[in-house]
Amino acid sequence: MRTFADTELQARLIREMRELYEKRGKLEAGIRAVDTARSLRIEKDALIDIAAYRASLSRPQTM
């Protein structure tokens, strides 16, 4: 049985693989961006909570 290389098929498969790798790269970049934004939001909220706590400690206690 004789085998042969179908160059059109190989080219199409390589092109599809490249497109999938690009798509995966974009998805991973999007995930990293969302993760960074989430981390910054958590840090900002924590700093606000710390500032509020410090402000509550500096107020004189009334009874």
PDB file of N, CA and C in Angstrom:
ATOM      1  N   MET A   1       0.840  -1.171   0.000  1.00  0.00           N
ATOM      2  CA  MET A   1       0.000   0.000   0.000  1.00  0.00           C
ATOM      3  C   MET A   1       0.889   1.240   0.000  1.00  0.00           C
ATOM      4  N   ARG A   2       0.593   2.120  -0.881  1.00  0.00           N
ATOM      5  CA  ARG A   2       1.412   3.306  -1.049  1.00  0.00           C
ATOM      6  C   ARG A   2       0.824   4.466  -0.243  1.00  0.00           C
ATOM      7  N   THR A   3       1.660   5.215   0.458  1.00  0.00           N
ATOM      8  CA  THR A   3       1.193   6.373   1.221  1.00  0.00           C
ATOM      9  C   THR A   3       1.702   7.638   0.555  1.00  0.00           C
ATOM     10  N   PHE A   4       0.982   8.700   0.725  1.00  0.00           N
ATOM     11  CA  PHE A   4       1.402   9.979   0.165  1.00  0.00           C
ATOM     12  C   PHE A   4       0.979  11.097   1.109  1.00  0.00           C
ATOM     13  N   ALA A   5       1.647  12.210   0.971  1.00  0.00           N
ATOM     14  CA  ALA A   5       1.364  13.346   1.846  1.00  0.00           C
ATOM     15  C   ALA A   5       0.376  14.269   1.151  1.00  0.00           C
ATOM     16  N   ASP A   6      -0.707  14.526   1.805  1.00  0.00           N
ATOM     17  CA  ASP A   6      -1.690  15.476   1.291  1.00  0.00           C
ATOM     18  C   ASP A   6      -1.317  16.850   1.844  1.00  0.00           C
ATOM     19  N   THR A   7      -0.649  17.645   1.020  1.00  0.00           N
ATOM     20  CA  THR A   7      -0.131  18.931   1.501  1.00  0.00           C
ATOM     21  C   THR A   7      -1.251  19.901   1.862  1.00  0.00           C
ATOM     22  N   GLU A   8      -2.372  19.850   1.146  1.00  0.00           N
ATOM     23  CA  GLU A   8      -3.491  20.726   1.489  1.00  0.00           C
ATOM     24  C   GLU A   8      -4.043  20.389   2.867  1.00  0.00           C
ATOM     25  N   LEU A   9      -4.188  19.110   3.134  1.00  0.00           N
ATOM     26  CA  LEU A   9      -4.689  18.677   4.435  1.00  0.00           C
ATOM     27  C   LEU A   9      -3.716  19.071   5.540  1.00  0.00           C
ATOM     28  N   GLN A  10      -2.432  18.852   5.301  1.00  0.00           N
ATOM     29  CA  GLN A  10      -1.432  19.226   6.305  1.00  0.00           C
ATOM     30  C   GLN A  10      -1.455  20.734   6.557  1.00  0.00           C
ATOM     31  N   ALA A  11      -1.538  21.516   5.494  1.00  0.00           N
ATOM     32  CA  ALA A  11      -1.559  22.976   5.643  1.00  0.00           C
ATOM     33  C   ALA A  11      -2.796  23.409   6.422  1.00  0.00           C
ATOM     34  N   ARG A  12      -3.944  22.817   6.126  1.00  0.00           N
ATOM     35  CA  ARG A  12      -5.176  23.172   6.830  1.00  0.00           C
ATOM     36  C   ARG A  12      -5.074  22.813   8.315  1.00  0.00           C
ATOM     37  N   LEU A  13      -4.531  21.635   8.603  1.00  0.00           N
ATOM     38  CA  LEU A  13      -4.384  21.221  10.000  1.00  0.00           C
ATOM     39  C   LEU A  13      -3.434  22.141  10.758  1.00  0.00           C
ATOM     40  N   ILE A  14      -2.344  22.514  10.125  1.00  0.00           N
ATOM     41  CA  ILE A  14      -1.385  23.416  10.776  1.00  0.00           C
ATOM     42  C   ILE A  14      -2.028  24.778  11.019  1.00  0.00           C
ATOM     43  N   ARG A  15      -2.788  25.275  10.044  1.00  0.00           N
ATOM     44  CA  ARG A  15      -3.472  26.554  10.189  1.00  0.00           C
ATOM     45  C   ARG A  15      -4.487  26.494  11.334  1.00  0.00           C
ATOM     46  N   GLU A  16      -5.252  25.409  11.405  1.00  0.00           N
ATOM     47  CA  GLU A  16      -6.231  25.257  12.481  1.00  0.00           C
ATOM     48  C   GLU A  16      -5.549  25.161  13.843  1.00  0.00           C
ATOM     49  N   MET A  17      -4.422  24.460  13.888  1.00  0.00           N
ATOM     50  CA  MET A  17      -3.682  24.361  15.154  1.00  0.00           C
ATOM     51  C   MET A  17      -3.187  25.736  15.582  1.00  0.00           C
ATOM     52  N   ARG A  18      -2.668  26.493  14.636  1.00  0.00           N
ATOM     53  CA  ARG A  18      -2.169  27.838  14.942  1.00  0.00           C
ATOM     54  C   ARG A  18      -3.309  28.714  15.463  1.00  0.00           C
ATOM     55  N   GLU A  19      -4.467  28.640  14.816  1.00  0.00           N
ATOM     56  CA  GLU A  19      -5.625  29.424  15.263  1.00  0.00           C
ATOM     57  C   GLU A  19      -6.053  29.027  16.670  1.00  0.00           C
ATOM     58  N   LEU A  20      -6.033  27.734  16.954  1.00  0.00           N
ATOM     59  CA  LEU A  20      -6.406  27.269  18.293  1.00  0.00           C
ATOM     60  C   LEU A  20      -5.403  27.736  19.343  1.00  0.00           C
ATOM     61  N   TYR A  21      -4.104  27.709  19.009  1.00  0.00           N
ATOM     62  CA  TYR A  21      -3.102  28.201  19.953  1.00  0.00           C
ATOM     63  C   TYR A  21      -3.275  29.697  20.205  1.00  0.00           C
ATOM     64  N   GLU A  22      -3.592  30.454  19.143  1.00  0.00           N
ATOM     65  CA  GLU A  22      -3.831  31.890  19.312  1.00  0.00           C
ATOM     66  C   GLU A  22      -5.057  32.129  20.185  1.00  0.00           C
ATOM     67  N   LYS A  23      -6.111  31.364  19.946  1.00  0.00           N
ATOM     68  CA  LYS A  23      -7.330  31.495  20.743  1.00  0.00           C
ATOM     69  C   LYS A  23      -7.046  31.165  22.205  1.00  0.00           C
ATOM     70  N   ARG A  24      -6.276  30.100  22.434  1.00  0.00           N
ATOM     71  CA  ARG A  24      -5.925  29.728  23.802  1.00  0.00           C
ATOM     72  C   ARG A  24      -5.116  30.834  24.470  1.00  0.00           C
ATOM     73  N   GLY A  25      -4.177  31.416  23.710  1.00  0.00           N
ATOM     74  CA  GLY A  25      -3.374  32.509  24.252  1.00  0.00           C
ATOM     75  C   GLY A  25      -4.226  33.697  24.645  1.00  0.00           C
ATOM     76  N   LYS A  26      -5.216  34.037  23.806  1.00  0.00           N
ATOM     77  CA  LYS A  26      -6.102  35.153  24.129  1.00  0.00           C
ATOM     78  C   LYS A  26      -6.943  34.847  25.362  1.00  0.00           C
ATOM     79  N   LEU A  27      -7.432  33.619  25.459  1.00  0.00           N
ATOM     80  CA  LEU A  27      -8.209  33.231  26.640  1.00  0.00           C
ATOM     81  C   LEU A  27      -7.361  33.297  27.902  1.00  0.00           C
ATOM     82  N   GLU A  28      -6.133  32.805  27.824  1.00  0.00           N
ATOM     83  CA  GLU A  28      -5.250  32.844  28.996  1.00  0.00           C
ATOM     84  C   GLU A  28      -4.930  34.277  29.383  1.00  0.00           C
ATOM     85  N   ALA A  29      -4.729  35.156  28.392  1.00  0.00           N
ATOM     86  CA  ALA A  29      -4.462  36.566  28.690  1.00  0.00           C
ATOM     87  C   ALA A  29      -5.684  37.202  29.353  1.00  0.00           C
ATOM     88  N   GLY A  30      -6.863  36.856  28.875  1.00  0.00           N
ATOM     89  CA  GLY A  30      -8.085  37.378  29.489  1.00  0.00           C
ATOM     90  C   GLY A  30      -8.240  36.909  30.920  1.00  0.00           C
ATOM     91  N   ILE A  31      -7.936  35.651  31.158  1.00  0.00           N
ATOM     92  CA  ILE A  31      -8.019  35.109  32.516  1.00  0.00           C
ATOM     93  C   ILE A  31      -7.031  35.824  33.431  1.00  0.00           C
ATOM     94  N   ARG A  32      -5.809  36.040  32.933  1.00  0.00           N
ATOM     95  CA  ARG A  32      -4.811  36.759  33.742  1.00  0.00           C
ATOM     96  C   ARG A  32      -5.280  38.175  34.056  1.00  0.00           C
ATOM     97  N   ALA A  33      -5.892  38.851  33.076  1.00  0.00           N
ATOM     98  CA  ALA A  33      -6.368  40.221  33.288  1.00  0.00           C
ATOM     99  C   ALA A  33      -7.474  40.254  34.335  1.00  0.00           C
ATOM    100  N   VAL A  34      -8.397  39.316  34.262  1.00  0.00           N
ATOM    101  CA  VAL A  34      -9.484  39.256  35.248  1.00  0.00           C
ATOM    102  C   VAL A  34      -8.920  38.939  36.628  1.00  0.00           C
ATOM    103  N   ASP A  35      -7.958  38.036  36.698  1.00  0.00           N
ATOM    104  CA  ASP A  35      -7.357  37.672  37.974  1.00  0.00           C
ATOM    105  C   ASP A  35      -6.625  38.867  38.587  1.00  0.00           C
ATOM    106  N   THR A  36      -5.917  39.626  37.757  1.00  0.00           N
ATOM    107  CA  THR A  36      -5.221  40.812  38.245  1.00  0.00           C
ATOM    108  C   THR A  36      -6.212  41.846  38.756  1.00  0.00           C
ATOM    109  N   ALA A  37      -7.285  42.066  37.994  1.00  0.00           N
ATOM    110  CA  ALA A  37      -8.299  43.037  38.421  1.00  0.00           C
ATOM    111  C   ALA A  37      -8.944  42.598  39.732  1.00  0.00           C
ATOM    112  N   ARG A  38      -9.211  41.303  39.863  1.00  0.00           N
ATOM    113  CA  ARG A  38      -9.811  40.774  41.095  1.00  0.00           C
ATOM    114  C   ARG A  38      -8.869  40.981  42.272  1.00  0.00           C
ATOM    115  N   SER A  39      -7.601  40.697  42.077  1.00  0.00           N
ATOM    116  CA  SER A  39      -6.621  40.866  43.151  1.00  0.00           C
ATOM    117  C   SER A  39      -6.507  42.328  43.567  1.00  0.00           C
ATOM    118  N   LEU A  40      -6.493  43.224  42.586  1.00  0.00           N
ATOM    119  CA  LEU A  40      -6.425  44.652  42.908  1.00  0.00           C
ATOM    120  C   LEU A  40      -7.668  45.107  43.666  1.00  0.00           C
ATOM    121  N   ARG A  41      -8.817  44.591  43.288  1.00  0.00           N
ATOM    122  CA  ARG A  41     -10.062  44.948  43.973  1.00  0.00           C
ATOM    123  C   ARG A  41     -10.036  44.460  45.417  1.00  0.00           C
ATOM    124  N   ILE A  42      -9.566  43.238  45.629  1.00  0.00           N
ATOM    125  CA  ILE A  42      -9.471  42.692  46.987  1.00  0.00           C
ATOM    126  C   ILE A  42      -8.515  43.538  47.824  1.00  0.00           C
ATOM    127  N   GLU A  43      -7.380  43.908  47.233  1.00  0.00           N
ATOM    128  CA  GLU A  43      -6.402  44.722  47.957  1.00  0.00           C
ATOM    129  C   GLU A  43      -6.981  46.100  48.291  1.00  0.00           C
ATOM    130  N   LYS A  44      -7.672  46.706  47.342  1.00  0.00           N
ATOM    131  CA  LYS A  44      -8.282  48.019  47.579  1.00  0.00           C
ATOM    132  C   LYS A  44      -9.317  47.936  48.693  1.00  0.00           C
ATOM    133  N   ASP A  45     -10.171  46.921  48.636  1.00  0.00           N
ATOM    134  CA  ASP A  45     -11.193  46.753  49.676  1.00  0.00           C
ATOM    135  C   ASP A  45     -10.551  46.515  51.041  1.00  0.00           C
ATOM    136  N   ALA A  46      -9.467  45.756  51.076  1.00  0.00           N
ATOM    137  CA  ALA A  46      -8.771  45.509  52.343  1.00  0.00           C
ATOM    138  C   ALA A  46      -8.195  46.800  52.894  1.00  0.00           C
ATOM    139  N   LEU A  47      -7.628  47.642  52.041  1.00  0.00           N
ATOM    140  CA  LEU A  47      -7.079  48.915  52.503  1.00  0.00           C
ATOM    141  C   LEU A  47      -8.177  49.833  53.039  1.00  0.00           C
ATOM    142  N   ILE A  48      -9.333  49.805  52.408  1.00  0.00           N
ATOM    143  CA  ILE A  48     -10.470  50.600  52.903  1.00  0.00           C
ATOM    144  C   ILE A  48     -10.909  50.087  54.274  1.00  0.00           C
ATOM    145  N   ASP A  49     -10.980  48.759  54.422  1.00  0.00           N
ATOM    146  CA  ASP A  49     -11.354  48.177  55.713  1.00  0.00           C
ATOM    147  C   ASP A  49     -10.340  48.527  56.798  1.00  0.00           C
ATOM    148  N   ILE A  50      -9.066  48.491  56.469  1.00  0.00           N
ATOM    149  CA  ILE A  50      -8.013  48.831  57.435  1.00  0.00           C
ATOM    150  C   ILE A  50      -8.140  50.291  57.853  1.00  0.00           C
ATOM    151  N   ALA A  51      -8.364  51.173  56.881  1.00  0.00           N
ATOM    152  CA  ALA A  51      -8.505  52.600  57.187  1.00  0.00           C
ATOM    153  C   ALA A  51      -9.721  52.839  58.080  1.00  0.00           C
ATOM    154  N   ALA A  52     -10.819  52.149  57.796  1.00  0.00           N
ATOM    155  CA  ALA A  52     -12.024  52.300  58.623  1.00  0.00           C
ATOM    156  C   ALA A  52     -11.765  51.790  60.037  1.00  0.00           C
ATOM    157  N   TYR A  53     -11.070  50.685  60.154  1.00  0.00           N
ATOM    158  CA  TYR A  53     -10.757  50.128  61.478  1.00  0.00           C
ATOM    159  C   TYR A  53      -9.875  51.088  62.262  1.00  0.00           C
ATOM    160  N   ARG A  54      -8.851  51.639  61.609  1.00  0.00           N
ATOM    161  CA  ARG A  54      -7.970  52.594  62.292  1.00  0.00           C
ATOM    162  C   ARG A  54      -8.739  53.837  62.713  1.00  0.00           C
ATOM    163  N   ALA A  55      -9.640  54.290  61.863  1.00  0.00           N
ATOM    164  CA  ALA A  55     -10.441  55.466  62.208  1.00  0.00           C
ATOM    165  C   ALA A  55     -11.329  55.171  63.408  1.00  0.00           C
ATOM    166  N   SER A  56     -11.873  53.959  63.489  1.00  0.00           N
ATOM    167  CA  SER A  56     -12.732  53.626  64.630  1.00  0.00           C
ATOM    168  C   SER A  56     -11.919  53.522  65.918  1.00  0.00           C
ATOM    169  N   LEU A  57     -10.648  53.155  65.847  1.00  0.00           N
ATOM    170  CA  LEU A  57      -9.800  53.079  67.031  1.00  0.00           C
ATOM    171  C   LEU A  57      -9.409  54.456  67.518  1.00  0.00           C
ATOM    172  N   SER A  58      -9.294  55.412  66.624  1.00  0.00           N
ATOM    173  CA  SER A  58      -8.833  56.744  67.030  1.00  0.00           C
ATOM    174  C   SER A  58      -9.963  57.601  67.604  1.00  0.00           C
ATOM    175  N   ARG A  59     -11.214  57.198  67.412  1.00  0.00           N
ATOM    176  CA  ARG A  59     -12.338  57.942  67.989  1.00  0.00           C
ATOM    177  C   ARG A  59     -12.442  57.636  69.494  1.00  0.00           C
ATOM    178  N   PRO A  60     -12.744  58.645  70.277  1.00  0.00           N
ATOM    179  CA  PRO A  60     -12.926  58.367  71.708  1.00  0.00           C
ATOM    180  C   PRO A  60     -14.195  57.540  71.938  1.00  0.00           C
ATOM    181  N   GLN A  61     -14.087  56.603  72.837  1.00  0.00           N
ATOM    182  CA  GLN A  61     -15.228  55.725  73.145  1.00  0.00           C
ATOM    183  C   GLN A  61     -16.179  56.479  74.071  1.00  0.00           C
ATOM    184  N   THR A  62     -17.456  56.457  73.733  1.00  0.00           N
ATOM    185  CA  THR A  62     -18.461  57.104  74.589  1.00  0.00           C
ATOM    186  C   THR A  62     -19.315  56.025  75.235  1.00  0.00           C
ATOM    187  N   MET A  63     -19.613  56.255  76.519  1.00  0.00           N
ATOM    188  CA  MET A  63     -20.430  55.287  77.262  1.00  0.00           C
ATOM    189  C   MET A  63     -21.617  55.934  77.865  1.00  0.00           C
TER     190      MET A  63
END
